[in-house]
Amino acid sequence: MCIPLEDEQDLLSDDGVDLAGLAELLTRPLALDPEERVAYLGEAARDQSAQLMSLRAPDFSLPDLDGKLHSLSDQRGRKVLLVAYASW
């Protein structure tokens, strides 16, 4: 990825890259955990818009208790309830 900058000091410092500034420049969400030294730049909203406008969940596959894979696309045409849980 090439990002043209008028002044490199806009994003660079002695500490490295200003990730919040980079995320803003790229119009992407940023998830940052400085304590764990982990950062994630999400997909830009404009790139997600087609998927969101389709009102279809992206396909994925998960194993059942016996290890058999089941895909969301296998359920196309049926009513499906998706439940997502996170402990945090």
N, C-alpha and C. Protein backbone atom coordinates (compact mmCIF):
# COMPACT_ATOMS: atom_id res chain seq x y z
N MET A 1 0.85 -1.16 0.00
CA MET A 1 0.00 0.00 0.00
C MET A 1 0.90 1.23 0.00
N CYS A 2 0.60 2.16 -0.83
CA CYS A 2 1.34 3.41 -0.92
C CYS A 2 0.44 4.54 -0.46
N ILE A 3 0.91 5.32 0.51
CA ILE A 3 0.12 6.42 1.06
C ILE A 3 0.90 7.71 0.86
N PRO A 4 0.47 8.56 -0.07
CA PRO A 4 1.18 9.82 -0.29
C PRO A 4 0.96 10.78 0.89
N LEU A 5 2.04 11.34 1.39
CA LEU A 5 1.97 12.29 2.51
C LEU A 5 2.64 13.59 2.11
N GLU A 6 2.07 14.70 2.52
CA GLU A 6 2.72 15.98 2.28
C GLU A 6 3.96 16.10 3.15
N ASP A 7 3.87 15.60 4.37
CA ASP A 7 5.00 15.67 5.31
C ASP A 7 5.02 14.38 6.11
N GLU A 8 6.12 13.64 6.03
CA GLU A 8 6.18 12.35 6.73
C GLU A 8 6.04 12.50 8.24
N GLN A 9 6.31 13.69 8.76
CA GLN A 9 6.17 13.91 10.19
C GLN A 9 4.71 13.84 10.63
N ASP A 10 3.78 13.87 9.67
CA ASP A 10 2.37 13.73 10.01
C ASP A 10 2.08 12.38 10.65
N LEU A 11 2.84 11.35 10.27
CA LEU A 11 2.57 10.01 10.78
C LEU A 11 3.76 9.36 11.47
N LEU A 12 4.95 9.92 11.34
CA LEU A 12 6.14 9.30 11.91
C LEU A 12 6.68 10.11 13.07
N SER A 13 7.21 9.39 14.06
CA SER A 13 7.86 10.04 15.19
C SER A 13 9.02 9.15 15.62
N ASP A 14 9.73 9.57 16.65
CA ASP A 14 10.82 8.74 17.18
C ASP A 14 10.29 7.41 17.72
N ASP A 15 9.02 7.39 18.11
CA ASP A 15 8.41 6.17 18.65
C ASP A 15 7.89 5.24 17.57
N GLY A 16 7.86 5.69 16.32
CA GLY A 16 7.36 4.86 15.22
C GLY A 16 6.22 5.53 14.49
N VAL A 17 5.28 4.73 14.03
CA VAL A 17 4.15 5.22 13.24
C VAL A 17 2.99 5.57 14.17
N ASP A 18 2.37 6.71 13.93
CA ASP A 18 1.17 7.12 14.66
C ASP A 18 -0.01 6.33 14.08
N LEU A 19 -0.36 5.24 14.73
CA LEU A 19 -1.40 4.35 14.19
C LEU A 19 -2.77 5.02 14.14
N ALA A 20 -3.08 5.83 15.13
CA ALA A 20 -4.38 6.53 15.11
C ALA A 20 -4.44 7.48 13.92
N GLY A 21 -3.36 8.18 13.65
CA GLY A 21 -3.32 9.07 12.49
C GLY A 21 -3.41 8.31 11.19
N LEU A 22 -2.73 7.16 11.12
CA LEU A 22 -2.80 6.32 9.93
C LEU A 22 -4.22 5.82 9.70
N ALA A 23 -4.86 5.35 10.77
CA ALA A 23 -6.24 4.86 10.66
C ALA A 23 -7.17 5.96 10.17
N GLU A 24 -6.98 7.16 10.69
CA GLU A 24 -7.81 8.30 10.26
C GLU A 24 -7.57 8.63 8.79
N LEU A 25 -6.31 8.62 8.39
CA LEU A 25 -5.96 8.91 7.00
C LEU A 25 -6.57 7.88 6.04
N LEU A 26 -6.58 6.62 6.46
CA LEU A 26 -7.11 5.54 5.63
C LEU A 26 -8.62 5.35 5.80
N THR A 27 -9.23 6.12 6.69
CA THR A 27 -10.65 5.98 7.06
C THR A 27 -10.98 4.53 7.43
N ARG A 28 -10.16 3.99 8.31
CA ARG A 28 -10.36 2.62 8.80
C ARG A 28 -10.45 2.64 10.32
N PRO A 29 -11.25 1.75 10.89
CA PRO A 29 -11.30 1.67 12.35
C PRO A 29 -10.00 1.06 12.88
N LEU A 30 -9.61 1.46 14.08
CA LEU A 30 -8.39 0.96 14.71
C LEU A 30 -8.73 0.34 16.05
N ALA A 31 -8.28 -0.89 16.25
CA ALA A 31 -8.35 -1.54 17.56
C ALA A 31 -6.92 -1.64 18.05
N LEU A 32 -6.66 -1.08 19.22
CA LEU A 32 -5.29 -0.97 19.71
C LEU A 32 -5.22 -1.39 21.17
N ASP A 33 -4.26 -2.26 21.48
CA ASP A 33 -4.00 -2.66 22.86
C ASP A 33 -2.51 -2.45 23.12
N PRO A 34 -2.14 -1.25 23.58
CA PRO A 34 -0.72 -0.94 23.78
C PRO A 34 -0.05 -1.88 24.78
N GLU A 35 -0.79 -2.31 25.79
CA GLU A 35 -0.22 -3.19 26.80
C GLU A 35 0.23 -4.52 26.19
N GLU A 36 -0.57 -5.05 25.27
CA GLU A 36 -0.23 -6.30 24.59
C GLU A 36 0.58 -6.07 23.32
N ARG A 37 0.75 -4.80 22.97
CA ARG A 37 1.49 -4.42 21.75
C ARG A 37 0.86 -5.03 20.51
N VAL A 38 -0.48 -4.88 20.42
CA VAL A 38 -1.24 -5.43 19.30
C VAL A 38 -2.11 -4.32 18.72
N ALA A 39 -2.16 -4.26 17.39
CA ALA A 39 -3.01 -3.29 16.71
C ALA A 39 -3.66 -3.97 15.51
N TYR A 40 -4.87 -3.53 15.20
CA TYR A 40 -5.58 -4.05 14.03
C TYR A 40 -6.26 -2.90 13.32
N LEU A 41 -5.97 -2.75 12.04
CA LEU A 41 -6.68 -1.78 11.20
C LEU A 41 -7.80 -2.52 10.49
N GLY A 42 -9.03 -2.13 10.76
CA GLY A 42 -10.18 -2.79 10.15
C GLY A 42 -10.38 -2.38 8.71
N GLU A 43 -11.34 -3.01 8.09
CA GLU A 43 -11.67 -2.72 6.70
C GLU A 43 -12.40 -1.38 6.63
N ALA A 44 -12.08 -0.59 5.62
CA ALA A 44 -12.71 0.72 5.45
C ALA A 44 -14.20 0.56 5.20
N ALA A 45 -14.98 1.49 5.71
CA ALA A 45 -16.44 1.43 5.57
C ALA A 45 -16.86 1.37 4.11
N ARG A 46 -16.17 2.11 3.25
CA ARG A 46 -16.55 2.10 1.82
C ARG A 46 -16.35 0.71 1.22
N ASP A 47 -15.37 -0.05 1.74
CA ASP A 47 -15.15 -1.41 1.25
C ASP A 47 -16.18 -2.39 1.80
N GLN A 48 -16.74 -2.06 2.95
CA GLN A 48 -17.75 -2.92 3.57
C GLN A 48 -19.16 -2.63 3.06
N SER A 49 -19.36 -1.48 2.43
CA SER A 49 -20.71 -1.03 2.12
C SER A 49 -21.49 -2.00 1.23
N ALA A 50 -20.85 -2.59 0.23
CA ALA A 50 -21.57 -3.53 -0.65
C ALA A 50 -22.07 -4.72 0.15
N GLN A 51 -21.24 -5.25 1.03
CA GLN A 51 -21.64 -6.38 1.86
C GLN A 51 -22.78 -5.97 2.80
N LEU A 52 -22.66 -4.81 3.40
CA LEU A 52 -23.70 -4.35 4.32
C LEU A 52 -25.02 -4.09 3.60
N MET A 53 -24.95 -3.51 2.41
CA MET A 53 -26.16 -3.20 1.65
C MET A 53 -26.87 -4.47 1.16
N SER A 54 -26.13 -5.56 1.00
CA SER A 54 -26.75 -6.80 0.53
C SER A 54 -27.61 -7.46 1.62
N LEU A 55 -27.41 -7.05 2.87
CA LEU A 55 -28.11 -7.61 4.02
C LEU A 55 -27.88 -9.12 4.15
N ARG A 56 -26.76 -9.60 3.67
CA ARG A 56 -26.41 -11.01 3.80
C ARG A 56 -25.16 -11.13 4.67
N ALA A 57 -25.21 -12.07 5.57
CA ALA A 57 -24.03 -12.34 6.40
C ALA A 57 -22.97 -13.01 5.55
N PRO A 58 -21.70 -12.71 5.80
CA PRO A 58 -20.65 -13.40 5.05
C PRO A 58 -20.65 -14.89 5.39
N ASP A 59 -20.29 -15.70 4.42
CA ASP A 59 -20.28 -17.15 4.65
C ASP A 59 -19.14 -17.53 5.58
N PHE A 60 -19.36 -18.51 6.40
CA PHE A 60 -18.33 -19.07 7.27
C PHE A 60 -18.70 -20.50 7.58
N SER A 61 -17.73 -21.26 8.04
CA SER A 61 -17.96 -22.67 8.41
C SER A 61 -17.43 -22.91 9.81
N LEU A 62 -18.16 -23.70 10.57
CA LEU A 62 -17.75 -24.08 11.93
C LEU A 62 -18.04 -25.56 12.13
N PRO A 63 -17.21 -26.22 12.95
CA PRO A 63 -17.45 -27.64 13.20
C PRO A 63 -18.49 -27.84 14.31
N ASP A 64 -19.24 -28.95 14.20
CA ASP A 64 -20.13 -29.32 15.30
C ASP A 64 -19.33 -30.14 16.31
N LEU A 65 -20.00 -30.68 17.32
CA LEU A 65 -19.30 -31.43 18.37
C LEU A 65 -18.63 -32.69 17.85
N ASP A 66 -19.08 -33.20 16.70
CA ASP A 66 -18.46 -34.39 16.11
C ASP A 66 -17.37 -34.03 15.10
N GLY A 67 -17.14 -32.75 14.90
CA GLY A 67 -16.10 -32.31 13.98
C GLY A 67 -16.57 -32.08 12.56
N LYS A 68 -17.84 -32.32 12.27
CA LYS A 68 -18.37 -32.11 10.92
C LYS A 68 -18.56 -30.61 10.68
N LEU A 69 -18.05 -30.13 9.54
CA LEU A 69 -18.18 -28.71 9.22
C LEU A 69 -19.58 -28.37 8.70
N HIS A 70 -20.09 -27.25 9.15
CA HIS A 70 -21.37 -26.72 8.69
C HIS A 70 -21.13 -25.28 8.25
N SER A 71 -21.62 -24.93 7.07
CA SER A 71 -21.46 -23.58 6.53
C SER A 71 -22.78 -22.83 6.58
N LEU A 72 -22.68 -21.53 6.78
CA LEU A 72 -23.88 -20.71 6.76
C LEU A 72 -24.58 -20.83 5.41
N SER A 73 -23.80 -20.90 4.34
CA SER A 73 -24.40 -20.98 3.00
C SER A 73 -25.20 -22.27 2.81
N ASP A 74 -24.92 -23.31 3.60
CA ASP A 74 -25.70 -24.55 3.52
C ASP A 74 -27.15 -24.32 3.95
N GLN A 75 -27.39 -23.25 4.69
CA GLN A 75 -28.72 -22.97 5.23
C GLN A 75 -29.49 -21.95 4.38
N ARG A 76 -28.93 -21.57 3.24
CA ARG A 76 -29.58 -20.56 2.39
C ARG A 76 -31.01 -20.99 2.08
N GLY A 77 -31.95 -20.05 2.20
CA GLY A 77 -33.35 -20.32 1.96
C GLY A 77 -34.10 -20.71 3.23
N ARG A 78 -33.38 -20.95 4.30
CA ARG A 78 -34.00 -21.30 5.59
C ARG A 78 -33.82 -20.13 6.56
N LYS A 79 -34.68 -20.09 7.55
CA LYS A 79 -34.50 -19.09 8.59
C LYS A 79 -33.37 -19.55 9.50
N VAL A 80 -32.48 -18.62 9.83
CA VAL A 80 -31.32 -18.93 10.65
C VAL A 80 -31.18 -17.86 11.72
N LEU A 81 -30.93 -18.29 12.93
CA LEU A 81 -30.66 -17.37 14.03
C LEU A 81 -29.17 -17.47 14.35
N LEU A 82 -28.46 -16.35 14.22
CA LEU A 82 -27.04 -16.31 14.56
C LEU A 82 -26.89 -15.63 15.91
N VAL A 83 -26.21 -16.28 16.81
CA VAL A 83 -25.96 -15.73 18.14
C VAL A 83 -24.45 -15.59 18.30
N ALA A 84 -24.01 -14.39 18.65
CA ALA A 84 -22.59 -14.15 18.89
C ALA A 84 -22.43 -13.76 20.35
N TYR A 85 -21.43 -14.31 20.99
CA TYR A 85 -21.20 -14.04 22.41
C TYR A 85 -19.72 -13.74 22.62
N ALA A 86 -19.45 -12.80 23.46
CA ALA A 86 -18.08 -12.50 23.86
C ALA A 86 -18.08 -12.20 25.35
N SER A 87 -17.12 -12.71 26.05
CA SER A 87 -17.08 -12.54 27.50
C SER A 87 -16.62 -11.16 27.93
N TRP A 88 -16.03 -10.40 27.05
CA TRP A 88 -15.56 -9.09 27.44
C TRP A 88 -16.65 -8.10 27.25
